PDB file of N, CA and C in Angstrom:
ATOM      1  N   MET A   1      79.167   7.238  81.026  1.00  0.00           N
ATOM      2  CA  MET A   1      78.923   5.904  81.550  1.00  0.00           C
ATOM      3  C   MET A   1      80.029   5.580  82.543  1.00  0.00           C
ATOM      4  N   ASN A   2      79.639   5.054  83.681  1.00  0.00           N
ATOM      5  CA  ASN A   2      80.646   4.698  84.685  1.00  0.00           C
ATOM      6  C   ASN A   2      81.310   3.367  84.333  1.00  0.00           C
ATOM      7  N   THR A   3      82.334   3.028  85.066  1.00  0.00           N
ATOM      8  CA  THR A   3      83.116   1.833  84.768  1.00  0.00           C
ATOM      9  C   THR A   3      82.299   0.563  84.907  1.00  0.00           C
ATOM     10  N   SER A   4      81.475   0.482  85.931  1.00  0.00           N
ATOM     11  CA  SER A   4      80.653  -0.711  86.141  1.00  0.00           C
ATOM     12  C   SER A   4      79.659  -0.899  84.995  1.00  0.00           C
ATOM     13  N   GLY A   5      79.053   0.170  84.552  1.00  0.00           N
ATOM     14  CA  GLY A   5      78.123   0.087  83.427  1.00  0.00           C
ATOM     15  C   GLY A   5      78.812  -0.343  82.149  1.00  0.00           C
ATOM     16  N   ALA A   6      80.038   0.130  81.923  1.00  0.00           N
ATOM     17  CA  ALA A   6      80.791  -0.246  80.730  1.00  0.00           C
ATOM     18  C   ALA A   6      81.151  -1.734  80.755  1.00  0.00           C
ATOM     19  N   VAL A   7      81.511  -2.220  81.927  1.00  0.00           N
ATOM     20  CA  VAL A   7      81.853  -3.639  82.051  1.00  0.00           C
ATOM     21  C   VAL A   7      80.637  -4.509  81.759  1.00  0.00           C
ATOM     22  N   TRP A   8      79.489  -4.154  82.334  1.00  0.00           N
ATOM     23  CA  TRP A   8      78.282  -4.946  82.099  1.00  0.00           C
ATOM     24  C   TRP A   8      77.817  -4.851  80.653  1.00  0.00           C
ATOM     25  N   LEU A   9      78.022  -3.699  80.019  1.00  0.00           N
ATOM     26  CA  LEU A   9      77.674  -3.560  78.608  1.00  0.00           C
ATOM     27  C   LEU A   9      78.515  -4.489  77.750  1.00  0.00           C
ATOM     28  N   VAL A  10      79.815  -4.543  78.005  1.00  0.00           N
ATOM     29  CA  VAL A  10      80.695  -5.421  77.233  1.00  0.00           C
ATOM     30  C   VAL A  10      80.328  -6.888  77.456  1.00  0.00           C
ATOM     31  N   ILE A  11      80.009  -7.256  78.684  1.00  0.00           N
ATOM     32  CA  ILE A  11      79.633  -8.646  78.965  1.00  0.00           C
ATOM     33  C   ILE A  11      78.328  -9.009  78.266  1.00  0.00           C
ATOM     34  N   LEU A  12      77.357  -8.129  78.298  1.00  0.00           N
ATOM     35  CA  LEU A  12      76.076  -8.391  77.626  1.00  0.00           C
ATOM     36  C   LEU A  12      76.245  -8.484  76.115  1.00  0.00           C
ATOM     37  N   VAL A  13      77.005  -7.563  75.535  1.00  0.00           N
ATOM     38  CA  VAL A  13      77.250  -7.605  74.088  1.00  0.00           C
ATOM     39  C   VAL A  13      78.026  -8.872  73.720  1.00  0.00           C
ATOM     40  N   ALA A  14      78.979  -9.275  74.552  1.00  0.00           N
ATOM     41  CA  ALA A  14      79.736 -10.497  74.295  1.00  0.00           C
ATOM     42  C   ALA A  14      78.839 -11.730  74.348  1.00  0.00           C
ATOM     43  N   LEU A  15      77.908 -11.767  75.286  1.00  0.00           N
ATOM     44  CA  LEU A  15      76.984 -12.899  75.378  1.00  0.00           C
ATOM     45  C   LEU A  15      76.126 -13.003  74.122  1.00  0.00           C
ATOM     46  N   VAL A  16      75.605 -11.901  73.666  1.00  0.00           N
ATOM     47  CA  VAL A  16      74.772 -11.908  72.457  1.00  0.00           C
ATOM     48  C   VAL A  16      75.616 -12.250  71.231  1.00  0.00           C
ATOM     49  N   ALA A  17      76.777 -11.605  71.102  1.00  0.00           N
ATOM     50  CA  ALA A  17      77.625 -11.821  69.927  1.00  0.00           C
ATOM     51  C   ALA A  17      78.176 -13.242  69.866  1.00  0.00           C
ATOM     52  N   ALA A  18      78.462 -13.843  70.992  1.00  0.00           N
ATOM     53  CA  ALA A  18      79.006 -15.207  71.000  1.00  0.00           C
ATOM     54  C   ALA A  18      77.975 -16.222  70.532  1.00  0.00           C
ATOM     55  N   ASN A  19      76.692 -15.943  70.741  1.00  0.00           N
ATOM     56  CA  ASN A  19      75.655 -16.891  70.358  1.00  0.00           C
ATOM     57  C   ASN A  19      75.075 -16.623  68.976  1.00  0.00           C
ATOM     58  N   LEU A  20      75.298 -15.459  68.411  1.00  0.00           N
ATOM     59  CA  LEU A  20      74.740 -15.124  67.098  1.00  0.00           C
ATOM     60  C   LEU A  20      75.121 -16.090  65.978  1.00  0.00           C
ATOM     61  N   PRO A  21      76.381 -16.546  65.883  1.00  0.00           N
ATOM     62  CA  PRO A  21      76.700 -17.473  64.789  1.00  0.00           C
ATOM     63  C   PRO A  21      75.897 -18.768  64.825  1.00  0.00           C
ATOM     64  N   PHE A  22      75.447 -19.174  65.998  1.00  0.00           N
ATOM     65  CA  PHE A  22      74.732 -20.437  66.130  1.00  0.00           C
ATOM     66  C   PHE A  22      73.216 -20.274  66.051  1.00  0.00           C
ATOM     67  N   LEU A  23      72.730 -19.080  66.284  1.00  0.00           N
ATOM     68  CA  LEU A  23      71.289 -18.872  66.345  1.00  0.00           C
ATOM     69  C   LEU A  23      70.669 -18.429  65.031  1.00  0.00           C
ATOM     70  N   ASN A  24      71.471 -18.017  64.065  1.00  0.00           N
ATOM     71  CA  ASN A  24      70.903 -17.649  62.766  1.00  0.00           C
ATOM     72  C   ASN A  24      71.807 -18.133  61.652  1.00  0.00           C
ATOM     73  N   ASN A  25      71.294 -18.054  60.426  1.00  0.00           N
ATOM     74  CA  ASN A  25      72.034 -18.546  59.279  1.00  0.00           C
ATOM     75  C   ASN A  25      72.592 -17.406  58.427  1.00  0.00           C
ATOM     76  N   ARG A  26      72.478 -16.181  58.906  1.00  0.00           N
ATOM     77  CA  ARG A  26      72.985 -15.037  58.158  1.00  0.00           C
ATOM     78  C   ARG A  26      74.460 -14.822  58.486  1.00  0.00           C
ATOM     79  N   TRP A  27      75.207 -14.310  57.485  1.00  0.00           N
ATOM     80  CA  TRP A  27      76.606 -14.009  57.712  1.00  0.00           C
ATOM     81  C   TRP A  27      76.698 -12.724  58.525  1.00  0.00           C
ATOM     82  N   LEU A  28      77.341 -12.778  59.676  1.00  0.00           N
ATOM     83  CA  LEU A  28      77.462 -11.682  60.626  1.00  0.00           C
ATOM     84  C   LEU A  28      76.111 -11.126  61.047  1.00  0.00           C
ATOM     85  N   ALA A  29      75.099 -11.957  61.013  1.00  0.00           N
ATOM     86  CA  ALA A  29      73.728 -11.629  61.407  1.00  0.00           C
ATOM     87  C   ALA A  29      73.121 -10.538  60.533  1.00  0.00           C
ATOM     88  N   VAL A  30      73.682 -10.293  59.349  1.00  0.00           N
ATOM     89  CA  VAL A  30      73.178  -9.239  58.471  1.00  0.00           C
ATOM     90  C   VAL A  30      72.824  -9.781  57.096  1.00  0.00           C
ATOM     91  N   TRP A  31      73.782 -10.407  56.405  1.00  0.00           N
ATOM     92  CA  TRP A  31      73.578 -10.825  55.023  1.00  0.00           C
ATOM     93  C   TRP A  31      72.999 -12.230  54.955  1.00  0.00           C
ATOM     94  N   PRO A  32      71.865 -12.397  54.265  1.00  0.00           N
ATOM     95  CA  PRO A  32      71.257 -13.729  54.172  1.00  0.00           C
ATOM     96  C   PRO A  32      72.081 -14.668  53.297  1.00  0.00           C
ATOM     97  N   ARG A  33      71.925 -15.947  53.570  1.00  0.00           N
ATOM     98  CA  ARG A  33      72.619 -16.981  52.814  1.00  0.00           C
ATOM     99  C   ARG A  33      71.594 -17.958  52.271  1.00  0.00           C
ATOM    100  N   ALA A  34      71.896 -18.533  51.118  1.00  0.00           N
ATOM    101  CA  ALA A  34      70.984 -19.500  50.511  1.00  0.00           C
ATOM    102  C   ALA A  34      71.157 -20.894  51.122  1.00  0.00           C
ATOM    103  N   THR A  35      72.353 -21.191  51.612  1.00  0.00           N
ATOM    104  CA  THR A  35      72.626 -22.512  52.168  1.00  0.00           C
ATOM    105  C   THR A  35      72.969 -22.398  53.654  1.00  0.00           C
ATOM    106  N   GLU A  36      72.985 -23.526  54.309  1.00  0.00           N
ATOM    107  CA  GLU A  36      73.350 -23.597  55.725  1.00  0.00           C
ATOM    108  C   GLU A  36      74.844 -23.296  55.881  1.00  0.00           C
ATOM    109  N   LYS A  37      75.201 -22.573  56.934  1.00  0.00           N
ATOM    110  CA  LYS A  37      76.611 -22.281  57.193  1.00  0.00           C
ATOM    111  C   LYS A  37      77.320 -23.541  57.659  1.00  0.00           C
ATOM    112  N   ALA A  38      78.542 -23.715  57.204  1.00  0.00           N
ATOM    113  CA  ALA A  38      79.372 -24.827  57.659  1.00  0.00           C
ATOM    114  C   ALA A  38      79.970 -24.491  59.019  1.00  0.00           C
ATOM    115  N   TRP A  39      80.518 -25.485  59.707  1.00  0.00           N
ATOM    116  CA  TRP A  39      81.065 -25.264  61.038  1.00  0.00           C
ATOM    117  C   TRP A  39      82.229 -24.275  61.020  1.00  0.00           C
ATOM    118  N   TRP A  40      83.052 -24.331  59.944  1.00  0.00           N
ATOM    119  CA  TRP A  40      84.194 -23.423  59.883  1.00  0.00           C
ATOM    120  C   TRP A  40      83.745 -21.985  59.627  1.00  0.00           C
ATOM    121  N   GLN A  41      82.608 -21.804  58.953  1.00  0.00           N
ATOM    122  CA  GLN A  41      82.082 -20.457  58.756  1.00  0.00           C
ATOM    123  C   GLN A  41      81.562 -19.892  60.077  1.00  0.00           C
ATOM    124  N   ARG A  42      80.941 -20.732  60.870  1.00  0.00           N
ATOM    125  CA  ARG A  42      80.491 -20.294  62.193  1.00  0.00           C
ATOM    126  C   ARG A  42      81.685 -19.952  63.088  1.00  0.00           C
ATOM    127  N   LEU A  43      82.756 -20.724  62.985  1.00  0.00           N
ATOM    128  CA  LEU A  43      83.957 -20.447  63.763  1.00  0.00           C
ATOM    129  C   LEU A  43      84.609 -19.133  63.320  1.00  0.00           C
ATOM    130  N   ALA A  44      84.667 -18.882  62.013  1.00  0.00           N
ATOM    131  CA  ALA A  44      85.209 -17.621  61.507  1.00  0.00           C
ATOM    132  C   ALA A  44      84.351 -16.448  61.956  1.00  0.00           C
ATOM    133  N   GLU A  45      83.042 -16.632  61.932  1.00  0.00           N
ATOM    134  CA  GLU A  45      82.136 -15.587  62.389  1.00  0.00           C
ATOM    135  C   GLU A  45      82.313 -15.330  63.887  1.00  0.00           C
ATOM    136  N   LEU A  46      82.542 -16.375  64.643  1.00  0.00           N
ATOM    137  CA  LEU A  46      82.796 -16.233  66.080  1.00  0.00           C
ATOM    138  C   LEU A  46      84.069 -15.415  66.320  1.00  0.00           C
ATOM    139  N   LEU A  47      85.097 -15.640  65.521  1.00  0.00           N
ATOM    140  CA  LEU A  47      86.333 -14.876  65.635  1.00  0.00           C
ATOM    141  C   LEU A  47      86.105 -13.397  65.293  1.00  0.00           C
ATOM    142  N   VAL A  48      85.330 -13.137  64.238  1.00  0.00           N
ATOM    143  CA  VAL A  48      85.025 -11.755  63.865  1.00  0.00           C
ATOM    144  C   VAL A  48      84.259 -11.060  64.990  1.00  0.00           C
ATOM    145  N   PHE A  49      83.275 -11.745  65.572  1.00  0.00           N
ATOM    146  CA  PHE A  49      82.516 -11.152  66.674  1.00  0.00           C
ATOM    147  C   PHE A  49      83.398 -10.931  67.905  1.00  0.00           C
ATOM    148  N   TYR A  50      84.347 -11.839  68.156  1.00  0.00           N
ATOM    149  CA  TYR A  50      85.289 -11.648  69.266  1.00  0.00           C
ATOM    150  C   TYR A  50      86.095 -10.373  69.067  1.00  0.00           C
ATOM    151  N   LEU A  51      86.556 -10.153  67.849  1.00  0.00           N
ATOM    152  CA  LEU A  51      87.328  -8.949  67.553  1.00  0.00           C
ATOM    153  C   LEU A  51      86.467  -7.693  67.667  1.00  0.00           C
ATOM    154  N   LEU A  52      85.208  -7.766  67.235  1.00  0.00           N
ATOM    155  CA  LEU A  52      84.319  -6.611  67.352  1.00  0.00           C
ATOM    156  C   LEU A  52      84.016  -6.267  68.808  1.00  0.00           C
ATOM    157  N   VAL A  53      83.770  -7.278  69.618  1.00  0.00           N
ATOM    158  CA  VAL A  53      83.523  -7.031  71.044  1.00  0.00           C
ATOM    159  C   VAL A  53      84.789  -6.496  71.705  1.00  0.00           C
ATOM    160  N   GLY A  54      85.944  -7.009  71.316  1.00  0.00           N
ATOM    161  CA  GLY A  54      87.196  -6.476  71.831  1.00  0.00           C
ATOM    162  C   GLY A  54      87.400  -5.021  71.445  1.00  0.00           C
ATOM    163  N   GLY A  55      87.004  -4.675  70.222  1.00  0.00           N
ATOM    164  CA  GLY A  55      87.071  -3.278  69.795  1.00  0.00           C
ATOM    165  C   GLY A  55      86.145  -2.384  70.602  1.00  0.00           C
ATOM    166  N   LEU A  56      84.955  -2.894  70.917  1.00  0.00           N
ATOM    167  CA  LEU A  56      84.033  -2.141  71.764  1.00  0.00           C
ATOM    168  C   LEU A  56      84.636  -1.926  73.148  1.00  0.00           C
ATOM    169  N   GLY A  57      85.215  -2.968  73.716  1.00  0.00           N
ATOM    170  CA  GLY A  57      85.850  -2.839  75.026  1.00  0.00           C
ATOM    171  C   GLY A  57      87.007  -1.861  74.997  1.00  0.00           C
ATOM    172  N   LEU A  58      87.781  -1.903  73.922  1.00  0.00           N
ATOM    173  CA  LEU A  58      88.900  -0.973  73.779  1.00  0.00           C
ATOM    174  C   LEU A  58      88.405   0.465  73.674  1.00  0.00           C
ATOM    175  N   ALA A  59      87.326   0.674  72.905  1.00  0.00           N
ATOM    176  CA  ALA A  59      86.767   2.025  72.763  1.00  0.00           C
ATOM    177  C   ALA A  59      86.225   2.536  74.093  1.00  0.00           C
ATOM    178  N   LEU A  60      85.552   1.678  74.837  1.00  0.00           N
ATOM    179  CA  LEU A  60      85.040   2.099  76.144  1.00  0.00           C
ATOM    180  C   LEU A  60      86.172   2.385  77.120  1.00  0.00           C
ATOM    181  N   GLU A  61      87.241   1.585  77.047  1.00  0.00           N
ATOM    182  CA  GLU A  61      88.392   1.833  77.920  1.00  0.00           C
ATOM    183  C   GLU A  61      89.063   3.153  77.552  1.00  0.00           C
ATOM    184  N   GLN A  62      89.152   3.457  76.263  1.00  0.00           N
ATOM    185  CA  GLN A  62      89.731   4.726  75.822  1.00  0.00           C
ATOM    186  C   GLN A  62      88.872   5.893  76.289  1.00  0.00           C
ATOM    187  N   HIS A  63      87.561   5.706  76.274  1.00  0.00           N
ATOM    188  CA  HIS A  63      86.648   6.751  76.734  1.00  0.00           C
ATOM    189  C   HIS A  63      86.803   7.008  78.237  1.00  0.00           C
ATOM    190  N   GLN A  64      87.104   5.949  78.990  1.00  0.00           N
ATOM    191  CA  GLN A  64      87.280   6.077  80.439  1.00  0.00           C
ATOM    192  C   GLN A  64      88.615   6.731  80.808  1.00  0.00           C
ATOM    193  N   GLY A  65      89.616   6.574  79.969  1.00  0.00           N
ATOM    194  CA  GLY A  65      90.940   7.112  80.281  1.00  0.00           C
ATOM    195  C   GLY A  65      91.980   6.446  79.414  1.00  0.00           C
ATOM    196  N   GLN A  66      93.152   6.214  79.970  1.00  0.00           N
ATOM    197  CA  GLN A  66      94.256   5.627  79.221  1.00  0.00           C
ATOM    198  C   GLN A  66      94.048   4.131  79.029  1.00  0.00           C
ATOM    199  N   ILE A  67      94.412   3.632  77.844  1.00  0.00           N
ATOM    200  CA  ILE A  67      94.304   2.202  77.541  1.00  0.00           C
ATOM    201  C   ILE A  67      95.473   1.471  78.192  1.00  0.00           C
ATOM    202  N   TYR A  68      95.164   0.422  78.951  1.00  0.00           N
ATOM    203  CA  TYR A  68      96.180  -0.380  79.616  1.00  0.00           C
ATOM    204  C   TYR A  68      96.702  -1.425  78.635  1.00  0.00           C
ATOM    205  N   PRO A  69      98.011  -1.551  78.433  1.00  0.00           N
ATOM    206  CA  PRO A  69      98.540  -2.547  77.492  1.00  0.00           C
ATOM    207  C   PRO A  69      98.295  -3.973  78.002  1.00  0.00           C
ATOM    208  N   GLN A  70      97.940  -4.873  77.090  1.00  0.00           N
ATOM    209  CA  GLN A  70      97.618  -6.254  77.453  1.00  0.00           C
ATOM    210  C   GLN A  70      98.619  -7.211  76.819  1.00  0.00           C
ATOM    211  N   GLY A  71      98.843  -8.319  77.471  1.00  0.00           N
ATOM    212  CA  GLY A  71      99.726  -9.364  76.960  1.00  0.00           C
ATOM    213  C   GLY A  71      98.915 -10.543  76.429  1.00  0.00           C
ATOM    214  N   TRP A  72      99.619 -11.610  76.082  1.00  0.00           N
ATOM    215  CA  TRP A  72      98.963 -12.766  75.488  1.00  0.00           C
ATOM    216  C   TRP A  72      97.993 -13.431  76.453  1.00  0.00           C
ATOM    217  N   ALA A  73      98.265 -13.382  77.743  1.00  0.00           N
ATOM    218  CA  ALA A  73      97.401 -14.041  78.727  1.00  0.00           C
ATOM    219  C   ALA A  73      96.013 -13.406  78.758  1.00  0.00           C
ATOM    220  N   PHE A  74      95.943 -12.112  78.557  1.00  0.00           N
ATOM    221  CA  PHE A  74      94.648 -11.432  78.515  1.00  0.00           C
ATOM    222  C   PHE A  74      93.809 -11.952  77.353  1.00  0.00           C
ATOM    223  N   TYR A  75      94.422 -12.063  76.174  1.00  0.00           N
ATOM    224  CA  TYR A  75      93.678 -12.513  75.002  1.00  0.00           C
ATOM    225  C   TYR A  75      93.313 -13.993  75.098  1.00  0.00           C
ATOM    226  N   ALA A  76      94.158 -14.796  75.704  1.00  0.00           N
ATOM    227  CA  ALA A  76      93.828 -16.207  75.918  1.00  0.00           C
ATOM    228  C   ALA A  76      92.644 -16.344  76.872  1.00  0.00           C
ATOM    229  N   THR A  77      92.638 -15.539  77.926  1.00  0.00           N
ATOM    230  CA  THR A  77      91.547 -15.599  78.909  1.00  0.00           C
ATOM    231  C   THR A  77      90.241 -15.093  78.311  1.00  0.00           C
ATOM    232  N   THR A  78      90.284 -13.957  77.622  1.00  0.00           N
ATOM    233  CA  THR A  78      89.042 -13.425  77.048  1.00  0.00           C
ATOM    234  C   THR A  78      88.532 -14.308  75.914  1.00  0.00           C
ATOM    235  N   GLY A  79      89.440 -14.943  75.172  1.00  0.00           N
ATOM    236  CA  GLY A  79      89.007 -15.886  74.131  1.00  0.00           C
ATOM    237  C   GLY A  79      88.303 -17.095  74.733  1.00  0.00           C
ATOM    238  N   ALA A  80      88.852 -17.615  75.818  1.00  0.00           N
ATOM    239  CA  ALA A  80      88.214 -18.742  76.504  1.00  0.00           C
ATOM    240  C   ALA A  80      86.864 -18.332  77.094  1.00  0.00           C
ATOM    241  N   LEU A  81      86.783 -17.125  77.638  1.00  0.00           N
ATOM    242  CA  LEU A  81      85.511 -16.631  78.158  1.00  0.00           C
ATOM    243  C   LEU A  81      84.489 -16.476  77.045  1.00  0.00           C
ATOM    244  N   PHE A  82      84.914 -15.970  75.880  1.00  0.00           N
ATOM    245  CA  PHE A  82      84.006 -15.803  74.749  1.00  0.00           C
ATOM    246  C   PHE A  82      83.487 -17.160  74.271  1.00  0.00           C
ATOM    247  N   LEU A  83      84.351 -18.153  74.217  1.00  0.00           N
ATOM    248  CA  LEU A  83      83.899 -19.504  73.834  1.00  0.00           C
ATOM    249  C   LEU A  83      82.946 -20.086  74.870  1.00  0.00           C
ATOM    250  N   THR A  84      83.182 -19.801  76.153  1.00  0.00           N
ATOM    251  CA  THR A  84      82.272 -20.253  77.193  1.00  0.00           C
ATOM    252  C   THR A  84      80.905 -19.595  77.052  1.00  0.00           C
ATOM    253  N   LEU A  85      80.883 -18.311  76.716  1.00  0.00           N
ATOM    254  CA  LEU A  85      79.614 -17.617  76.507  1.00  0.00           C
ATOM    255  C   LEU A  85      78.879 -18.141  75.283  1.00  0.00           C
ATOM    256  N   ALA A  86      79.606 -18.724  74.320  1.00  0.00           N
ATOM    257  CA  ALA A  86      78.992 -19.265  73.105  1.00  0.00           C
ATOM    258  C   ALA A  86      78.396 -20.654  73.321  1.00  0.00           C
ATOM    259  N   PHE A  87      78.615 -21.258  74.463  1.00  0.00           N
ATOM    260  CA  PHE A  87      78.164 -22.637  74.689  1.00  0.00           C
ATOM    261  C   PHE A  87      76.651 -22.835  74.558  1.00  0.00           C
ATOM    262  N   PRO A  88      75.797 -21.944  75.070  1.00  0.00           N
ATOM    263  CA  PRO A  88      74.352 -22.170  74.886  1.00  0.00           C
ATOM    264  C   PRO A  88      73.935 -22.212  73.416  1.00  0.00           C
ATOM    265  N   GLY A  89      74.491 -21.354  72.596  1.00  0.00           N
ATOM    266  CA  GLY A  89      74.168 -21.371  71.171  1.00  0.00           C
ATOM    267  C   GLY A  89      74.672 -22.630  70.490  1.00  0.00           C
ATOM    268  N   PHE A  90      75.859 -23.098  70.885  1.00  0.00           N
ATOM    269  CA  PHE A  90      76.408 -24.333  70.336  1.00  0.00           C
ATOM    270  C   PHE A  90      75.519 -25.520  70.683  1.00  0.00           C
ATOM    271  N   VAL A  91      75.085 -25.569  71.937  1.00  0.00           N
ATOM    272  CA  VAL A  91      74.202 -26.663  72.363  1.00  0.00           C
ATOM    273  C   VAL A  91      72.897 -26.621  71.579  1.00  0.00           C
ATOM    274  N   TRP A  92      72.338 -25.435  71.411  1.00  0.00           N
ATOM    275  CA  TRP A  92      71.070 -25.323  70.694  1.00  0.00           C
ATOM    276  C   TRP A  92      71.233 -25.746  69.235  1.00  0.00           C
ATOM    277  N   ARG A  93      72.341 -25.395  68.597  1.00  0.00           N
ATOM    278  CA  ARG A  93      72.534 -25.699  67.173  1.00  0.00           C
ATOM    279  C   ARG A  93      72.893 -27.150  66.937  1.00  0.00           C
ATOM    280  N   TYR A  94      73.796 -27.706  67.714  1.00  0.00           N
ATOM    281  CA  TYR A  94      74.363 -29.023  67.394  1.00  0.00           C
ATOM    282  C   TYR A  94      73.944 -30.162  68.323  1.00  0.00           C
ATOM    283  N   LEU A  95      73.533 -29.891  69.552  1.00  0.00           N
ATOM    284  CA  LEU A  95      73.271 -30.978  70.480  1.00  0.00           C
ATOM    285  C   LEU A  95      71.808 -31.211  70.789  1.00  0.00           C
ATOM    286  N   MET A  96      70.937 -30.234  70.520  1.00  0.00           N
ATOM    287  CA  MET A  96      69.501 -30.396  70.798  1.00  0.00           C
ATOM    288  C   MET A  96      68.851 -31.243  69.702  1.00  0.00           C
ATOM    289  N   ARG A  97      67.995 -32.136  70.122  1.00  0.00           N
ATOM    290  CA  ARG A  97      67.245 -32.945  69.150  1.00  0.00           C
ATOM    291  C   ARG A  97      66.045 -32.155  68.656  1.00  0.00           C
ATOM    292  N   ARG A  98      65.841 -32.221  67.365  1.00  0.00           N
ATOM    293  CA  ARG A  98      64.663 -31.564  66.776  1.00  0.00           C
ATOM    294  C   ARG A  98      63.864 -32.646  66.068  1.00  0.00           C
ATOM    295  N   GLY A  99      62.577 -32.639  66.310  1.00  0.00           N
ATOM    296  CA  GLY A  99      61.816 -33.728  65.706  1.00  0.00           C
ATOM    297  C   GLY A  99      60.494 -33.398  65.286  1.00  0.00           C
TER     298      GLY A  99
END
């Protein structure tokens, strides 16, 4: 896979993973739950998905060559981007009227 394809793969996976906590009631989109998830459970799930997508990006970067060391600014930026990608799911779960 070339570099451009790897970048688009990570972005697509991040978009899907960022919205999963808001679009279903299963824990990590796998294990069913009897009750509705609380907001803090969705936030914890969002953090787990952020780490998984980061691991995918790290694995793809390792496959391409040497891993470039990152500082705190990288993680702050990617965390903000991940939260931005989660906005459609948040709107659908908490701001849309259902009647």
